[in-house]
Amino acid sequence: MVHHFLQYFGKAAKRSISGMEEKTLDKVVRAKEQYIEKIADHIRAFGIPPTVGRVLGIIYINHRPMTLDELSQATGMSKTRMSQVVREMVDMNIAEKVFEKGVRKDLYNVGLDFYDTFVAIFTSNLRKIIHRNKFFEKKFARELAELKDNEELPPEMEKQLNHFLNELFNLAEYYDWLSRLVDFFESGKIFEYVPKKKQE
């Protein structure tokens, strides 16, 4: 993988820093690679594939929008696979397609604020969980309610069914709370209670 970073970052570094020794350049490239891997590790903690973290880190470290060709070259991934990764990032709201005058190829960029990226990843995952489980909970509750209304059940079984329906009600309240938590994060109010550290 270092070869791909040398190939991509190395050319840019050589153009901007004349006389830099190859050994020193290798160290700079390796430092960039370690930085990108740290971001990938951080992203992995949220259940996101490390490939997403690597692409995120590469765009971060370049501080500019990049094409699929550039990202493929930097990571060694195929353009098809890279297209899948950036589409996943766009779906999670941590990347966006941007346009630059005179550039025909699609460009992708990420926000340079780690806090916003965290909120986007955190809320994106939670919204998927909430949607999936709310659908299950409503379907299951409806089936149990129909069973209770249409069947003559022994007292003990009816008691268990009522208990189960109550548990589903508690689960629905929990997912409602999760939805409000997501809204709280997305509104930015979280930073009123846990402020970002000010730059000195």
Protein backbone atom coordinates (compact mmCIF):
# COMPACT_ATOMS: atom_id res chain seq x y z
CA MET A 1 0.00 0.00 0.00
CA VAL A 2 2.94 2.33 0.68
CA HIS A 3 3.80 2.07 -3.02
CA HIS A 4 0.45 3.59 -3.96
CA PHE A 5 0.90 6.45 -1.51
CA LEU A 6 4.41 7.10 -2.77
CA GLN A 7 3.14 7.07 -6.30
CA TYR A 8 0.35 9.52 -5.55
CA PHE A 9 1.57 11.76 -2.73
CA GLY A 10 5.22 11.52 -3.72
CA LYS A 11 4.76 13.30 -7.05
CA ALA A 12 2.95 16.21 -5.41
CA ALA A 13 5.61 16.46 -2.70
CA LYS A 14 8.47 16.41 -5.22
CA ARG A 15 6.88 19.22 -7.21
CA SER A 16 6.47 21.44 -4.14
CA ILE A 17 9.68 20.69 -2.21
CA SER A 18 12.81 20.80 -4.32
CA GLY A 19 15.89 18.92 -3.15
CA MET A 20 14.07 16.75 -0.62
CA GLU A 21 15.82 13.41 -0.28
CA GLU A 22 13.88 10.28 -1.20
CA LYS A 23 14.41 8.86 2.28
CA THR A 24 12.87 11.93 3.89
CA LEU A 25 10.03 11.84 1.40
CA ASP A 26 9.38 8.21 2.30
CA LYS A 27 9.07 9.20 5.98
CA VAL A 28 6.56 11.93 5.14
CA VAL A 29 4.51 9.52 3.04
CA ARG A 30 4.60 6.88 5.79
CA ALA A 31 3.45 9.50 8.32
CA LYS A 32 0.53 10.32 6.04
CA GLU A 33 -0.27 6.64 5.72
CA GLN A 34 -0.28 6.20 9.51
CA TYR A 35 -2.58 9.21 9.86
CA ILE A 36 -4.99 7.71 7.33
CA GLU A 37 -4.91 4.32 9.09
CA LYS A 38 -5.73 6.02 12.41
CA ILE A 39 -8.82 7.53 10.80
CA ALA A 40 -9.73 4.10 9.38
CA ASP A 41 -9.39 2.58 12.89
CA HIS A 42 -11.58 5.32 14.33
CA ILE A 43 -14.24 4.75 11.69
CA ARG A 44 -14.12 0.98 12.25
CA ALA A 45 -15.18 1.57 15.88
CA PHE A 46 -18.57 2.70 14.55
CA GLY A 47 -19.03 -0.43 12.48
CA ILE A 48 -17.99 1.32 9.26
CA PRO A 49 -15.68 -0.56 6.84
CA PRO A 50 -12.04 0.61 7.12
CA THR A 51 -12.00 1.27 3.37
CA VAL A 52 -14.41 4.15 4.02
CA GLY A 53 -12.06 5.48 6.70
CA ARG A 54 -9.07 5.31 4.37
CA VAL A 55 -10.83 7.22 1.62
CA LEU A 56 -12.03 9.74 4.19
CA GLY A 57 -8.47 10.16 5.45
CA ILE A 58 -7.02 10.56 1.97
CA ILE A 59 -9.42 13.36 1.07
CA TYR A 60 -8.86 14.94 4.50
CA ILE A 61 -5.11 14.99 4.08
CA ASN A 62 -5.33 16.43 0.56
CA HIS A 63 -7.72 19.22 1.59
CA ARG A 64 -9.38 19.20 -1.82
CA PRO A 65 -12.01 17.31 -3.81
CA MET A 66 -10.71 14.20 -5.59
CA THR A 67 -11.83 12.11 -8.55
CA LEU A 68 -12.46 8.38 -8.52
CA ASP A 69 -9.30 7.92 -10.58
CA GLU A 70 -7.22 9.79 -8.00
CA LEU A 71 -8.72 7.86 -5.10
CA SER A 72 -8.24 4.55 -6.90
CA GLN A 73 -4.60 5.40 -7.52
CA ALA A 74 -4.06 6.46 -3.90
CA THR A 75 -5.62 3.31 -2.43
CA GLY A 76 -4.85 0.69 -5.05
CA MET A 77 -8.56 -0.14 -5.30
CA SER A 78 -10.36 -0.63 -8.59
CA LYS A 79 -12.45 2.24 -9.89
CA THR A 80 -15.57 0.08 -9.58
CA ARG A 81 -14.88 -0.65 -5.92
CA MET A 82 -14.01 3.01 -5.30
CA SER A 83 -17.33 4.04 -6.82
CA GLN A 84 -19.11 1.75 -4.33
CA VAL A 85 -17.15 3.19 -1.40
CA VAL A 86 -17.84 6.85 -2.23
CA ARG A 87 -21.52 6.05 -2.86
CA GLU A 88 -21.66 4.54 0.63
CA MET A 89 -19.98 7.66 2.03
CA VAL A 90 -22.49 9.92 0.28
CA ASP A 91 -25.34 7.84 1.73
CA MET A 92 -23.86 8.35 5.22
CA ASN A 93 -23.58 12.12 4.63
CA ILE A 94 -19.82 12.13 5.17
CA ALA A 95 -18.99 12.87 1.53
CA GLU A 96 -20.60 14.78 -1.30
CA LYS A 97 -20.24 15.07 -5.03
CA VAL A 98 -19.02 18.54 -5.97
CA PHE A 99 -18.50 20.39 -9.21
CA GLU A 100 -15.57 22.50 -10.33
CA LYS A 101 -15.52 24.57 -13.46
CA GLY A 102 -13.51 22.92 -16.19
CA VAL A 103 -13.42 19.49 -14.51
CA ARG A 104 -15.45 16.89 -16.38
CA LYS A 105 -14.94 13.97 -14.01
CA ASP A 106 -16.98 13.56 -10.83
CA LEU A 107 -15.29 15.05 -7.77
CA TYR A 108 -15.89 13.97 -4.19
CA ASN A 109 -15.17 15.96 -1.08
CA VAL A 110 -15.56 15.55 2.67
CA GLY A 111 -16.01 18.09 5.43
CA LEU A 112 -12.84 18.99 7.29
CA ASP A 113 -14.58 19.09 10.67
CA PHE A 114 -14.12 15.82 12.59
CA TYR A 115 -17.04 16.72 14.88
CA ASP A 116 -19.48 17.00 11.98
CA THR A 117 -18.16 13.75 10.52
CA PHE A 118 -18.70 11.99 13.86
CA VAL A 119 -22.28 13.28 14.07
CA ALA A 120 -22.98 12.19 10.49
CA ILE A 121 -21.66 8.66 11.07
CA PHE A 122 -23.28 8.30 14.50
CA THR A 123 -26.71 9.47 13.37
CA SER A 124 -26.61 7.65 10.03
CA ASN A 125 -26.05 4.31 11.75
CA LEU A 126 -28.69 4.98 14.39
CA ARG A 127 -31.30 6.01 11.84
CA LYS A 128 -30.81 2.71 9.99
CA ILE A 129 -31.18 0.75 13.25
CA ILE A 130 -34.26 2.74 14.27
CA HIS A 131 -35.95 2.31 10.89
CA ARG A 132 -35.24 -1.42 10.73
CA ASN A 133 -36.40 -2.16 14.26
CA LYS A 134 -39.44 0.10 14.20
CA PHE A 135 -40.69 -1.79 11.18
CA PHE A 136 -40.18 -5.10 13.00
CA GLU A 137 -41.78 -3.83 16.21
CA LYS A 138 -44.93 -2.52 14.47
CA LYS A 139 -45.34 -5.67 12.39
CA PHE A 140 -44.84 -7.95 15.40
CA ALA A 141 -47.16 -5.92 17.63
CA ARG A 142 -49.89 -6.00 14.97
CA GLU A 143 -49.63 -9.77 14.58
CA LEU A 144 -49.79 -10.32 18.34
CA ALA A 145 -52.76 -7.98 18.70
CA GLU A 146 -54.63 -9.84 15.95
CA LEU A 147 -53.84 -13.13 17.66
CA LYS A 148 -55.20 -11.80 20.93
CA ASP A 149 -58.41 -10.46 19.32
CA ASN A 150 -59.18 -13.45 17.11
CA GLU A 151 -58.19 -16.41 19.24
CA GLU A 152 -59.59 -17.78 22.47
CA LEU A 153 -56.47 -18.15 24.53
CA PRO A 154 -55.95 -19.92 27.86
CA PRO A 155 -55.51 -17.42 30.72
CA GLU A 156 -51.80 -18.17 31.14
CA MET A 157 -51.08 -17.71 27.43
CA GLU A 158 -53.11 -14.49 27.35
CA LYS A 159 -51.10 -13.24 30.32
CA GLN A 160 -47.83 -13.98 28.50
CA LEU A 161 -49.14 -12.31 25.35
CA ASN A 162 -50.11 -9.16 27.27
CA HIS A 163 -46.68 -9.12 28.88
CA PHE A 164 -45.04 -9.41 25.46
CA LEU A 165 -47.20 -6.60 24.04
CA ASN A 166 -46.15 -4.42 26.97
CA GLU A 167 -42.49 -5.17 26.23
CA LEU A 168 -43.04 -4.16 22.62
CA PHE A 169 -44.59 -0.91 23.83
CA ASN A 170 -41.48 -0.26 25.94
CA LEU A 171 -39.31 -1.03 22.91
CA ALA A 172 -41.29 1.47 20.82
CA GLU A 173 -40.73 4.13 23.48
CA TYR A 174 -37.01 3.34 23.45
CA TYR A 175 -36.79 3.82 19.68
CA ASP A 176 -38.73 7.06 20.00
CA TRP A 177 -36.07 8.18 22.51
CA LEU A 178 -33.33 7.15 20.08
CA SER A 179 -35.00 9.21 17.34
CA ARG A 180 -35.02 12.25 19.61
CA LEU A 181 -31.36 11.60 20.47
CA VAL A 182 -30.50 11.59 16.76
CA ASP A 183 -32.41 14.86 16.30
CA PHE A 184 -30.47 16.31 19.25
CA PHE A 185 -27.13 15.45 17.66
CA GLU A 186 -28.13 16.58 14.17
CA SER A 187 -29.42 19.92 15.49
CA GLY A 188 -25.95 20.69 16.87
CA LYS A 189 -27.33 21.18 20.40
CA ILE A 190 -24.94 18.46 21.61
CA PHE A 191 -22.13 21.03 21.34
CA GLU A 192 -23.92 23.32 23.78
CA TYR A 193 -23.52 20.63 26.44
CA VAL A 194 -20.23 19.11 25.25
CA PRO A 195 -18.52 22.08 23.56
CA LYS A 196 -15.88 21.69 20.90
CA LYS A 197 -12.43 22.66 22.12
CA LYS A 198 -11.64 26.18 20.99
CA GLN A 199 -8.52 26.70 18.91
CA GLU A 200 -5.94 28.64 20.91
